[in-house]
PDB file of N, CA and C in Angstrom:
ATOM      1  N   MET A   1     -43.431 -18.579  34.036  1.00  0.00           N
ATOM      2  CA  MET A   1     -43.047 -17.215  33.883  1.00  0.00           C
ATOM      3  C   MET A   1     -42.621 -17.005  32.431  1.00  0.00           C
ATOM      4  N   GLN A   2     -43.186 -15.976  31.812  1.00  0.00           N
ATOM      5  CA  GLN A   2     -42.913 -15.700  30.407  1.00  0.00           C
ATOM      6  C   GLN A   2     -42.135 -14.385  30.311  1.00  0.00           C
ATOM      7  N   ASN A   3     -41.084 -14.398  29.472  1.00  0.00           N
ATOM      8  CA  ASN A   3     -40.260 -13.211  29.289  1.00  0.00           C
ATOM      9  C   ASN A   3     -40.618 -12.577  27.953  1.00  0.00           C
ATOM     10  N   ASP A   4     -41.540 -11.644  27.959  1.00  0.00           N
ATOM     11  CA  ASP A   4     -42.002 -10.998  26.745  1.00  0.00           C
ATOM     12  C   ASP A   4     -41.420  -9.591  26.708  1.00  0.00           C
ATOM     13  N   THR A   5     -40.387  -9.401  25.861  1.00  0.00           N
ATOM     14  CA  THR A   5     -39.747  -8.082  25.789  1.00  0.00           C
ATOM     15  C   THR A   5     -40.440  -7.170  24.801  1.00  0.00           C
ATOM     16  N   GLY A   6     -41.172  -7.715  23.873  1.00  0.00           N
ATOM     17  CA  GLY A   6     -41.922  -6.910  22.922  1.00  0.00           C
ATOM     18  C   GLY A   6     -41.029  -6.382  21.804  1.00  0.00           C
ATOM     19  N   PRO A   7     -41.628  -5.574  20.938  1.00  0.00           N
ATOM     20  CA  PRO A   7     -40.889  -5.081  19.768  1.00  0.00           C
ATOM     21  C   PRO A   7     -39.747  -4.121  20.121  1.00  0.00           C
ATOM     22  N   LEU A   8     -39.916  -3.341  21.176  1.00  0.00           N
ATOM     23  CA  LEU A   8     -38.850  -2.409  21.560  1.00  0.00           C
ATOM     24  C   LEU A   8     -37.614  -3.161  22.045  1.00  0.00           C
ATOM     25  N   GLY A   9     -37.849  -4.209  22.829  1.00  0.00           N
ATOM     26  CA  GLY A   9     -36.731  -5.030  23.294  1.00  0.00           C
ATOM     27  C   GLY A   9     -36.016  -5.707  22.135  1.00  0.00           C
ATOM     28  N   MET A  10     -36.769  -6.140  21.134  1.00  0.00           N
ATOM     29  CA  MET A  10     -36.163  -6.783  19.968  1.00  0.00           C
ATOM     30  C   MET A  10     -35.334  -5.771  19.167  1.00  0.00           C
ATOM     31  N   LEU A  11     -35.821  -4.552  19.064  1.00  0.00           N
ATOM     32  CA  LEU A  11     -35.061  -3.522  18.345  1.00  0.00           C
ATOM     33  C   LEU A  11     -33.757  -3.182  19.062  1.00  0.00           C
ATOM     34  N   VAL A  12     -33.814  -3.103  20.390  1.00  0.00           N
ATOM     35  CA  VAL A  12     -32.606  -2.828  21.171  1.00  0.00           C
ATOM     36  C   VAL A  12     -31.617  -3.968  21.009  1.00  0.00           C
ATOM     37  N   LEU A  13     -32.091  -5.215  21.086  1.00  0.00           N
ATOM     38  CA  LEU A  13     -31.230  -6.377  20.916  1.00  0.00           C
ATOM     39  C   LEU A  13     -30.626  -6.405  19.514  1.00  0.00           C
ATOM     40  N   LEU A  14     -31.431  -6.098  18.502  1.00  0.00           N
ATOM     41  CA  LEU A  14     -30.943  -6.067  17.129  1.00  0.00           C
ATOM     42  C   LEU A  14     -29.870  -4.991  16.954  1.00  0.00           C
ATOM     43  N   PHE A  15     -30.065  -3.839  17.573  1.00  0.00           N
ATOM     44  CA  PHE A  15     -29.083  -2.758  17.497  1.00  0.00           C
ATOM     45  C   PHE A  15     -27.769  -3.157  18.166  1.00  0.00           C
ATOM     46  N   VAL A  16     -27.850  -3.791  19.330  1.00  0.00           N
ATOM     47  CA  VAL A  16     -26.646  -4.223  20.044  1.00  0.00           C
ATOM     48  C   VAL A  16     -25.885  -5.259  19.234  1.00  0.00           C
ATOM     49  N   VAL A  17     -26.592  -6.210  18.655  1.00  0.00           N
ATOM     50  CA  VAL A  17     -25.951  -7.240  17.831  1.00  0.00           C
ATOM     51  C   VAL A  17     -25.315  -6.597  16.601  1.00  0.00           C
ATOM     52  N   TRP A  18     -26.011  -5.643  15.987  1.00  0.00           N
ATOM     53  CA  TRP A  18     -25.471  -4.952  14.813  1.00  0.00           C
ATOM     54  C   TRP A  18     -24.188  -4.191  15.164  1.00  0.00           C
ATOM     55  N   MET A  19     -24.181  -3.518  16.311  1.00  0.00           N
ATOM     56  CA  MET A  19     -22.991  -2.768  16.746  1.00  0.00           C
ATOM     57  C   MET A  19     -21.809  -3.696  16.988  1.00  0.00           C
ATOM     58  N   ILE A  20     -22.061  -4.828  17.613  1.00  0.00           N
ATOM     59  CA  ILE A  20     -20.978  -5.780  17.869  1.00  0.00           C
ATOM     60  C   ILE A  20     -20.473  -6.371  16.556  1.00  0.00           C
ATOM     61  N   TYR A  21     -21.403  -6.717  15.661  1.00  0.00           N
ATOM     62  CA  TYR A  21     -21.028  -7.333  14.390  1.00  0.00           C
ATOM     63  C   TYR A  21     -20.177  -6.371  13.548  1.00  0.00           C
ATOM     64  N   PHE A  22     -20.542  -5.097  13.497  1.00  0.00           N
ATOM     65  CA  PHE A  22     -19.827  -4.122  12.672  1.00  0.00           C
ATOM     66  C   PHE A  22     -18.815  -3.295  13.462  1.00  0.00           C
ATOM     67  N   MET A  23     -18.402  -3.774  14.628  1.00  0.00           N
ATOM     68  CA  MET A  23     -17.400  -3.082  15.417  1.00  0.00           C
ATOM     69  C   MET A  23     -16.086  -2.883  14.650  1.00  0.00           C
ATOM     70  N   PRO A  24     -15.581  -3.884  13.904  1.00  0.00           N
ATOM     71  CA  PRO A  24     -14.345  -3.653  13.142  1.00  0.00           C
ATOM     72  C   PRO A  24     -14.496  -2.537  12.100  1.00  0.00           C
ATOM     73  N   THR A  25     -15.632  -2.514  11.427  1.00  0.00           N
ATOM     74  CA  THR A  25     -15.861  -1.487  10.415  1.00  0.00           C
ATOM     75  C   THR A  25     -15.957  -0.106  11.054  1.00  0.00           C
ATOM     76  N   LEU A  26     -16.651   0.005  12.161  1.00  0.00           N
ATOM     77  CA  LEU A  26     -16.775   1.286  12.853  1.00  0.00           C
ATOM     78  C   LEU A  26     -15.420   1.761  13.377  1.00  0.00           C
ATOM     79  N   ASN A  27     -14.628   0.815  13.876  1.00  0.00           N
ATOM     80  CA  ASN A  27     -13.291   1.153  14.366  1.00  0.00           C
ATOM     81  C   ASN A  27     -12.419   1.675  13.222  1.00  0.00           C
ATOM     82  N   ALA A  28     -12.458   0.993  12.078  1.00  0.00           N
ATOM     83  CA  ALA A  28     -11.663   1.426  10.926  1.00  0.00           C
ATOM     84  C   ALA A  28     -12.128   2.791  10.427  1.00  0.00           C
ATOM     85  N   TYR A  29     -13.426   3.034  10.455  1.00  0.00           N
ATOM     86  CA  TYR A  29     -13.964   4.323   9.999  1.00  0.00           C
ATOM     87  C   TYR A  29     -13.495   5.470  10.901  1.00  0.00           C
ATOM     88  N   HIS A  30     -13.580   5.265  12.210  1.00  0.00           N
ATOM     89  CA  HIS A  30     -13.214   6.321  13.149  1.00  0.00           C
ATOM     90  C   HIS A  30     -11.714   6.564  13.179  1.00  0.00           C
ATOM     91  N   ARG A  31     -10.915   5.543  12.858  1.00  0.00           N
ATOM     92  CA  ARG A  31      -9.458   5.702  12.823  1.00  0.00           C
ATOM     93  C   ARG A  31      -8.970   6.185  11.464  1.00  0.00           C
ATOM     94  N   LYS A  32      -9.894   6.343  10.492  1.00  0.00           N
ATOM     95  CA  LYS A  32      -9.555   6.749   9.126  1.00  0.00           C
ATOM     96  C   LYS A  32      -8.500   5.803   8.549  1.00  0.00           C
ATOM     97  N   HIS A  33      -8.774   4.507   8.718  1.00  0.00           N
ATOM     98  CA  HIS A  33      -7.858   3.469   8.239  1.00  0.00           C
ATOM     99  C   HIS A  33      -7.806   3.509   6.713  1.00  0.00           C
ATOM    100  N   PRO A  34      -6.595   3.441   6.122  1.00  0.00           N
ATOM    101  CA  PRO A  34      -6.504   3.510   4.655  1.00  0.00           C
ATOM    102  C   PRO A  34      -7.159   2.317   3.957  1.00  0.00           C
ATOM    103  N   ASN A  35      -7.360   1.206   4.655  1.00  0.00           N
ATOM    104  CA  ASN A  35      -7.994   0.021   4.070  1.00  0.00           C
ATOM    105  C   ASN A  35      -9.425  -0.138   4.560  1.00  0.00           C
ATOM    106  N   PHE A  36     -10.101   0.969   4.777  1.00  0.00           N
ATOM    107  CA  PHE A  36     -11.453   0.919   5.320  1.00  0.00           C
ATOM    108  C   PHE A  36     -12.390   0.086   4.455  1.00  0.00           C
ATOM    109  N   ASN A  37     -12.344   0.286   3.141  1.00  0.00           N
ATOM    110  CA  ASN A  37     -13.263  -0.442   2.255  1.00  0.00           C
ATOM    111  C   ASN A  37     -13.037  -1.949   2.320  1.00  0.00           C
ATOM    112  N   SER A  38     -11.785  -2.364   2.362  1.00  0.00           N
ATOM    113  CA  SER A  38     -11.482  -3.797   2.450  1.00  0.00           C
ATOM    114  C   SER A  38     -11.948  -4.377   3.778  1.00  0.00           C
ATOM    115  N   ILE A  39     -11.764  -3.635   4.843  1.00  0.00           N
ATOM    116  CA  ILE A  39     -12.213  -4.096   6.163  1.00  0.00           C
ATOM    117  C   ILE A  39     -13.729  -4.205   6.184  1.00  0.00           C
ATOM    118  N   LEU A  40     -14.409  -3.242   5.586  1.00  0.00           N
ATOM    119  CA  LEU A  40     -15.868  -3.278   5.514  1.00  0.00           C
ATOM    120  C   LEU A  40     -16.345  -4.526   4.770  1.00  0.00           C
ATOM    121  N   LEU A  41     -15.743  -4.815   3.621  1.00  0.00           N
ATOM    122  CA  LEU A  41     -16.167  -5.983   2.841  1.00  0.00           C
ATOM    123  C   LEU A  41     -15.870  -7.285   3.568  1.00  0.00           C
ATOM    124  N   LEU A  42     -14.700  -7.372   4.194  1.00  0.00           N
ATOM    125  CA  LEU A  42     -14.371  -8.580   4.955  1.00  0.00           C
ATOM    126  C   LEU A  42     -15.351  -8.762   6.106  1.00  0.00           C
ATOM    127  N   ASN A  43     -15.635  -7.687   6.811  1.00  0.00           N
ATOM    128  CA  ASN A  43     -16.557  -7.739   7.935  1.00  0.00           C
ATOM    129  C   ASN A  43     -17.978  -8.073   7.482  1.00  0.00           C
ATOM    130  N   LEU A  44     -18.388  -7.510   6.363  1.00  0.00           N
ATOM    131  CA  LEU A  44     -19.738  -7.722   5.855  1.00  0.00           C
ATOM    132  C   LEU A  44     -19.955  -9.165   5.403  1.00  0.00           C
ATOM    133  N   PHE A  45     -19.009  -9.696   4.621  1.00  0.00           N
ATOM    134  CA  PHE A  45     -19.214 -11.017   4.038  1.00  0.00           C
ATOM    135  C   PHE A  45     -18.688 -12.179   4.878  1.00  0.00           C
ATOM    136  N   LEU A  46     -17.633 -11.964   5.665  1.00  0.00           N
ATOM    137  CA  LEU A  46     -17.076 -13.065   6.459  1.00  0.00           C
ATOM    138  C   LEU A  46     -17.146 -12.823   7.958  1.00  0.00           C
ATOM    139  N   GLY A  47     -17.774 -11.737   8.367  1.00  0.00           N
ATOM    140  CA  GLY A  47     -17.873 -11.439   9.787  1.00  0.00           C
ATOM    141  C   GLY A  47     -18.721 -12.431  10.550  1.00  0.00           C
ATOM    142  N   TRP A  48     -19.628 -13.128   9.856  1.00  0.00           N
ATOM    143  CA  TRP A  48     -20.475 -14.113  10.533  1.00  0.00           C
ATOM    144  C   TRP A  48     -19.667 -15.313  11.000  1.00  0.00           C
ATOM    145  N   THR A  49     -18.493 -15.524  10.374  1.00  0.00           N
ATOM    146  CA  THR A  49     -17.599 -16.565  10.892  1.00  0.00           C
ATOM    147  C   THR A  49     -16.741 -15.901  11.958  1.00  0.00           C
ATOM    148  N   LEU A  50     -16.416 -16.624  12.959  1.00  0.00           N
ATOM    149  CA  LEU A  50     -15.605 -16.054  14.030  1.00  0.00           C
ATOM    150  C   LEU A  50     -14.240 -15.628  13.507  1.00  0.00           C
ATOM    151  N   ILE A  51     -13.668 -16.402  12.602  1.00  0.00           N
ATOM    152  CA  ILE A  51     -12.347 -16.084  12.057  1.00  0.00           C
ATOM    153  C   ILE A  51     -12.395 -14.777  11.259  1.00  0.00           C
ATOM    154  N   GLY A  52     -13.405 -14.617  10.415  1.00  0.00           N
ATOM    155  CA  GLY A  52     -13.540 -13.392   9.631  1.00  0.00           C
ATOM    156  C   GLY A  52     -13.709 -12.167  10.498  1.00  0.00           C
ATOM    157  N   TRP A  53     -14.470 -12.303  11.569  1.00  0.00           N
ATOM    158  CA  TRP A  53     -14.680 -11.173  12.475  1.00  0.00           C
ATOM    159  C   TRP A  53     -13.392 -10.827  13.209  1.00  0.00           C
ATOM    160  N   VAL A  54     -12.667 -11.840  13.687  1.00  0.00           N
ATOM    161  CA  VAL A  54     -11.421 -11.592  14.422  1.00  0.00           C
ATOM    162  C   VAL A  54     -10.376 -10.965  13.498  1.00  0.00           C
ATOM    163  N   VAL A  55     -10.271 -11.480  12.268  1.00  0.00           N
ATOM    164  CA  VAL A  55      -9.308 -10.914  11.325  1.00  0.00           C
ATOM    165  C   VAL A  55      -9.647  -9.450  11.037  1.00  0.00           C
ATOM    166  N   SER A  56     -10.919  -9.143  10.837  1.00  0.00           N
ATOM    167  CA  SER A  56     -11.295  -7.762  10.533  1.00  0.00           C
ATOM    168  C   SER A  56     -11.096  -6.836  11.733  1.00  0.00           C
ATOM    169  N   ILE A  57     -11.311  -7.315  12.959  1.00  0.00           N
ATOM    170  CA  ILE A  57     -11.097  -6.453  14.130  1.00  0.00           C
ATOM    171  C   ILE A  57      -9.605  -6.209  14.349  1.00  0.00           C
ATOM    172  N   VAL A  58      -8.792  -7.243  14.116  1.00  0.00           N
ATOM    173  CA  VAL A  58      -7.340  -7.065  14.268  1.00  0.00           C
ATOM    174  C   VAL A  58      -6.820  -6.120  13.189  1.00  0.00           C
ATOM    175  N   TRP A  59      -7.315  -6.290  11.964  1.00  0.00           N
ATOM    176  CA  TRP A  59      -6.884  -5.429  10.860  1.00  0.00           C
ATOM    177  C   TRP A  59      -7.286  -3.980  11.112  1.00  0.00           C
ATOM    178  N   SER A  60      -8.484  -3.775  11.623  1.00  0.00           N
ATOM    179  CA  SER A  60      -8.931  -2.400  11.868  1.00  0.00           C
ATOM    180  C   SER A  60      -8.170  -1.752  13.021  1.00  0.00           C
ATOM    181  N   ALA A  61      -7.626  -2.567  13.918  1.00  0.00           N
ATOM    182  CA  ALA A  61      -6.878  -2.029  15.052  1.00  0.00           C
ATOM    183  C   ALA A  61      -5.380  -1.954  14.779  1.00  0.00           C
ATOM    184  N   SER A  62      -4.947  -2.431  13.614  1.00  0.00           N
ATOM    185  CA  SER A  62      -3.519  -2.414  13.305  1.00  0.00           C
ATOM    186  C   SER A  62      -3.038  -0.973  13.179  1.00  0.00           C
ATOM    187  N   SER A  63      -1.748  -0.819  13.401  1.00  0.00           N
ATOM    188  CA  SER A  63      -1.191   0.533  13.385  1.00  0.00           C
ATOM    189  C   SER A  63      -1.205   1.096  11.975  1.00  0.00           C
ATOM    190  N   ILE A  64      -1.392   2.373  11.928  1.00  0.00           N
ATOM    191  CA  ILE A  64      -1.454   3.084  10.664  1.00  0.00           C
ATOM    192  C   ILE A  64      -0.245   4.007  10.605  1.00  0.00           C
ATOM    193  N   ALA A  65       0.591   3.807   9.601  1.00  0.00           N
ATOM    194  CA  ALA A  65       1.758   4.679   9.447  1.00  0.00           C
ATOM    195  C   ALA A  65       1.287   6.044   8.960  1.00  0.00           C
ATOM    196  N   PRO A  66       1.738   7.099   9.622  1.00  0.00           N
ATOM    197  CA  PRO A  66       1.330   8.433   9.172  1.00  0.00           C
ATOM    198  C   PRO A  66       1.893   8.715   7.780  1.00  0.00           C
ATOM    199  N   ILE A  67       1.085   9.324   6.966  1.00  0.00           N
ATOM    200  CA  ILE A  67       1.505   9.656   5.615  1.00  0.00           C
ATOM    201  C   ILE A  67       2.221  10.998   5.663  1.00  0.00           C
ATOM    202  N   GLU A  68       3.493  10.974   5.323  1.00  0.00           N
ATOM    203  CA  GLU A  68       4.267  12.201   5.338  1.00  0.00           C
ATOM    204  C   GLU A  68       4.247  12.822   3.950  1.00  0.00           C
ATOM    205  N   PRO A  69       4.110  14.126   3.899  1.00  0.00           N
ATOM    206  CA  PRO A  69       4.127  14.768   2.580  1.00  0.00           C
ATOM    207  C   PRO A  69       5.509  14.641   1.945  1.00  0.00           C
ATOM    208  N   ILE A  70       5.496  14.512   0.646  1.00  0.00           N
ATOM    209  CA  ILE A  70       6.751  14.405  -0.081  1.00  0.00           C
ATOM    210  C   ILE A  70       7.351  15.799  -0.188  1.00  0.00           C
ATOM    211  N   ARG A  71       8.566  15.905   0.285  1.00  0.00           N
ATOM    212  CA  ARG A  71       9.245  17.191   0.226  1.00  0.00           C
ATOM    213  C   ARG A  71      10.191  17.199  -0.966  1.00  0.00           C
ATOM    214  N   VAL A  72      10.025  18.175  -1.802  1.00  0.00           N
ATOM    215  CA  VAL A  72      10.897  18.316  -2.956  1.00  0.00           C
ATOM    216  C   VAL A  72      11.996  19.299  -2.594  1.00  0.00           C
ATOM    217  N   ILE A  73      13.210  18.805  -2.641  1.00  0.00           N
ATOM    218  CA  ILE A  73      14.346  19.660  -2.322  1.00  0.00           C
ATOM    219  C   ILE A  73      14.855  20.250  -3.630  1.00  0.00           C
ATOM    220  N   PRO A  74      14.785  21.558  -3.747  1.00  0.00           N
ATOM    221  CA  PRO A  74      15.231  22.155  -5.006  1.00  0.00           C
ATOM    222  C   PRO A  74      16.735  21.977  -5.181  1.00  0.00           C
ATOM    223  N   GLU A  75      17.120  21.660  -6.392  1.00  0.00           N
ATOM    224  CA  GLU A  75      18.538  21.506  -6.676  1.00  0.00           C
ATOM    225  C   GLU A  75      19.160  22.890  -6.807  1.00  0.00           C
ATOM    226  N   PRO A  76      20.337  23.054  -6.254  1.00  0.00           N
ATOM    227  CA  PRO A  76      20.977  24.360  -6.392  1.00  0.00           C
ATOM    228  C   PRO A  76      21.343  24.597  -7.856  1.00  0.00           C
ATOM    229  N   GLU A  77      21.194  25.843  -8.243  1.00  0.00           N
ATOM    230  CA  GLU A  77      21.515  26.183  -9.607  1.00  0.00           C
ATOM    231  C   GLU A  77      23.020  26.024  -9.815  1.00  0.00           C
ATOM    232  N   PRO A  78      23.387  25.408 -10.909  1.00  0.00           N
ATOM    233  CA  PRO A  78      24.830  25.248 -11.127  1.00  0.00           C
ATOM    234  C   PRO A  78      25.469  26.617 -11.350  1.00  0.00           C
ATOM    235  N   SER A  79      26.480  26.890 -10.571  1.00  0.00           N
ATOM    236  CA  SER A  79      27.125  28.192 -10.702  1.00  0.00           C
ATOM    237  C   SER A  79      28.189  28.112 -11.796  1.00  0.00           C
ATOM    238  N   GLU A  80      28.265  29.171 -12.514  1.00  0.00           N
ATOM    239  CA  GLU A  80      29.263  29.231 -13.575  1.00  0.00           C
ATOM    240  C   GLU A  80      30.628  29.487 -12.946  1.00  0.00           C
ATOM    241  N   ASP A  81      31.645  28.880 -13.502  1.00  0.00           N
ATOM    242  CA  ASP A  81      32.966  29.212 -13.004  1.00  0.00           C
ATOM    243  C   ASP A  81      33.433  30.503 -13.677  1.00  0.00           C
ATOM    244  N   LYS A  82      34.549  31.016 -13.230  1.00  0.00           N
ATOM    245  CA  LYS A  82      35.032  32.316 -13.702  1.00  0.00           C
ATOM    246  C   LYS A  82      35.244  32.326 -15.211  1.00  0.00           C
ATOM    247  N   TYR A  83      35.787  31.231 -15.710  1.00  0.00           N
ATOM    248  CA  TYR A  83      36.124  31.212 -17.132  1.00  0.00           C
ATOM    249  C   TYR A  83      34.882  31.200 -18.018  1.00  0.00           C
ATOM    250  N   GLN A  84      33.824  30.570 -17.556  1.00  0.00           N
ATOM    251  CA  GLN A  84      32.571  30.582 -18.320  1.00  0.00           C
ATOM    252  C   GLN A  84      31.977  31.990 -18.341  1.00  0.00           C
ATOM    253  N   LYS A  85      32.075  32.686 -17.215  1.00  0.00           N
ATOM    254  CA  LYS A  85      31.562  34.057 -17.152  1.00  0.00           C
ATOM    255  C   LYS A  85      32.354  34.979 -18.088  1.00  0.00           C
ATOM    256  N   ILE A  86      33.674  34.810 -18.079  1.00  0.00           N
ATOM    257  CA  ILE A  86      34.514  35.643 -18.950  1.00  0.00           C
ATOM    258  C   ILE A  86      34.216  35.328 -20.409  1.00  0.00           C
ATOM    259  N   GLU A  87      33.989  34.040 -20.710  1.00  0.00           N
ATOM    260  CA  GLU A  87      33.664  33.640 -22.075  1.00  0.00           C
ATOM    261  C   GLU A  87      32.340  34.267 -22.519  1.00  0.00           C
ATOM    262  N   ARG A  88      31.381  34.305 -21.636  1.00  0.00           N
ATOM    263  CA  ARG A  88      30.092  34.912 -21.950  1.00  0.00           C
ATOM    264  C   ARG A  88      30.250  36.421 -22.173  1.00  0.00           C
ATOM    265  N   LEU A  89      31.063  37.049 -21.345  1.00  0.00           N
ATOM    266  CA  LEU A  89      31.338  38.476 -21.537  1.00  0.00           C
ATOM    267  C   LEU A  89      32.020  38.720 -22.884  1.00  0.00           C
ATOM    268  N   GLY A  90      32.948  37.815 -23.253  1.00  0.00           N
ATOM    269  CA  GLY A  90      33.629  37.950 -24.547  1.00  0.00           C
ATOM    270  C   GLY A  90      32.632  37.862 -25.699  1.00  0.00           C
ATOM    271  N   GLY A  91      31.644  36.996 -25.562  1.00  0.00           N
ATOM    272  CA  GLY A  91      30.608  36.891 -26.591  1.00  0.00           C
ATOM    273  C   GLY A  91      29.802  38.171 -26.702  1.00  0.00           C
ATOM    274  N   LEU A  92      29.490  38.797 -25.578  1.00  0.00           N
ATOM    275  CA  LEU A  92      28.760  40.059 -25.585  1.00  0.00           C
ATOM    276  C   LEU A  92      29.597  41.182 -26.219  1.00  0.00           C
ATOM    277  N   LYS A  93      30.912  41.139 -25.947  1.00  0.00           N
ATOM    278  CA  LYS A  93      31.801  42.151 -26.518  1.00  0.00           C
ATOM    279  C   LYS A  93      31.891  41.992 -28.031  1.00  0.00           C
ATOM    280  N   GLU A  94      31.967  40.726 -28.495  1.00  0.00           N
ATOM    281  CA  GLU A  94      32.055  40.468 -29.932  1.00  0.00           C
ATOM    282  C   GLU A  94      30.790  40.912 -30.667  1.00  0.00           C
ATOM    283  N   LYS A  95      29.658  40.778 -29.995  1.00  0.00           N
ATOM    284  CA  LYS A  95      28.397  41.199 -30.618  1.00  0.00           C
ATOM    285  C   LYS A  95      28.227  42.716 -30.599  1.00  0.00           C
ATOM    286  N   GLY A  96      29.112  43.387 -29.882  1.00  0.00           N
ATOM    287  CA  GLY A  96      29.042  44.842 -29.825  1.00  0.00           C
ATOM    288  C   GLY A  96      28.145  45.354 -28.725  1.00  0.00           C
ATOM    289  N   LEU A  97      27.757  44.475 -27.799  1.00  0.00           N
ATOM    290  CA  LEU A  97      26.882  44.899 -26.707  1.00  0.00           C
ATOM    291  C   LEU A  97      27.658  45.485 -25.536  1.00  0.00           C
ATOM    292  N   LEU A  98      28.978  45.218 -25.476  1.00  0.00           N
ATOM    293  CA  LEU A  98      29.834  45.775 -24.431  1.00  0.00           C
ATOM    294  C   LEU A  98      31.012  46.489 -25.095  1.00  0.00           C
ATOM    295  N   THR A  99      31.389  47.583 -24.480  1.00  0.00           N
ATOM    296  CA  THR A  99      32.589  48.265 -24.963  1.00  0.00           C
ATOM    297  C   THR A  99      33.800  47.587 -24.351  1.00  0.00           C
ATOM    298  N   GLU A 100      34.984  47.962 -24.859  1.00  0.00           N
ATOM    299  CA  GLU A 100      36.234  47.388 -24.341  1.00  0.00           C
ATOM    300  C   GLU A 100      36.397  47.717 -22.861  1.00  0.00           C
ATOM    301  N   ALA A 101      36.058  48.935 -22.460  1.00  0.00           N
ATOM    302  CA  ALA A 101      36.211  49.361 -21.062  1.00  0.00           C
ATOM    303  C   ALA A 101      35.255  48.586 -20.154  1.00  0.00           C
ATOM    304  N   GLU A 102      34.002  48.405 -20.615  1.00  0.00           N
ATOM    305  CA  GLU A 102      33.029  47.647 -19.813  1.00  0.00           C
ATOM    306  C   GLU A 102      33.463  46.182 -19.675  1.00  0.00           C
ATOM    307  N   TYR A 103      33.976  45.642 -20.765  1.00  0.00           N
ATOM    308  CA  TYR A 103      34.445  44.249 -20.757  1.00  0.00           C
ATOM    309  C   TYR A 103      35.572  44.082 -19.747  1.00  0.00           C
ATOM    310  N   GLU A 104      36.557  44.990 -19.777  1.00  0.00           N
ATOM    311  CA  GLU A 104      37.697  44.887 -18.864  1.00  0.00           C
ATOM    312  C   GLU A 104      37.260  45.062 -17.412  1.00  0.00           C
ATOM    313  N   ALA A 105      36.306  45.978 -17.167  1.00  0.00           N
ATOM    314  CA  ALA A 105      35.826  46.223 -15.789  1.00  0.00           C
ATOM    315  C   ALA A 105      35.108  44.978 -15.259  1.00  0.00           C
ATOM    316  N   GLU A 106      34.252  44.404 -16.066  1.00  0.00           N
ATOM    317  CA  GLU A 106      33.521  43.210 -15.636  1.00  0.00           C
ATOM    318  C   GLU A 106      34.470  42.025 -15.452  1.00  0.00           C
ATOM    319  N   LYS A 107      35.446  41.907 -16.337  1.00  0.00           N
ATOM    320  CA  LYS A 107      36.427  40.814 -16.238  1.00  0.00           C
ATOM    321  C   LYS A 107      37.223  40.950 -14.948  1.00  0.00           C
ATOM    322  N   ALA A 108      37.581  42.164 -14.586  1.00  0.00           N
ATOM    323  CA  ALA A 108      38.345  42.399 -13.357  1.00  0.00           C
ATOM    324  C   ALA A 108      37.498  42.014 -12.129  1.00  0.00           C
ATOM    325  N   LYS A 109      36.188  42.336 -12.155  1.00  0.00           N
ATOM    326  CA  LYS A 109      35.294  41.960 -11.038  1.00  0.00           C
ATOM    327  C   LYS A 109      35.223  40.441 -10.892  1.00  0.00           C
ATOM    328  N   ILE A 110      35.116  39.766 -12.024  1.00  0.00           N
ATOM    329  CA  ILE A 110      34.987  38.301 -11.992  1.00  0.00           C
ATOM    330  C   ILE A 110      36.266  37.674 -11.461  1.00  0.00           C
ATOM    331  N   LEU A 111      37.398  38.162 -11.905  1.00  0.00           N
ATOM    332  CA  LEU A 111      38.667  37.581 -11.475  1.00  0.00           C
ATOM    333  C   LEU A 111      38.963  37.873 -10.013  1.00  0.00           C
ATOM    334  N   GLN A 112      38.445  38.959  -9.461  1.00  0.00           N
ATOM    335  CA  GLN A 112      38.673  39.291  -8.056  1.00  0.00           C
ATOM    336  C   GLN A 112      37.802  38.455  -7.130  1.00  0.00           C
ATOM    337  N   SER A 113      36.645  38.028  -7.582  1.00  0.00           N
ATOM    338  CA  SER A 113      35.746  37.289  -6.695  1.00  0.00           C
ATOM    339  C   SER A 113      36.111  35.841  -6.559  1.00  0.00           C
TER     340      SER A 113
END
């Protein structure tokens, strides 16, 4: 009895062997593993050894830590204390940009708050 599968059977067998051989690479690709390229190279060059294939399948199945976006927390603006505000008002008064009445009114607002 002769088992002649022909060219179609050989193509199916070749496809099945290829799928099994590159299973670690396919797994890493579908999981969007950050080390996909390294897994591909390990699988390609050392997958023919049982150890290389096992290492690449374990690596491709390893957990992937989710990448969290970096959140920038804005620093609060340093608030001026009362005396700095009054000093700034005094500078405006000296330059002639505020009258005496405006200066006193603004100073009173600052001291009340």
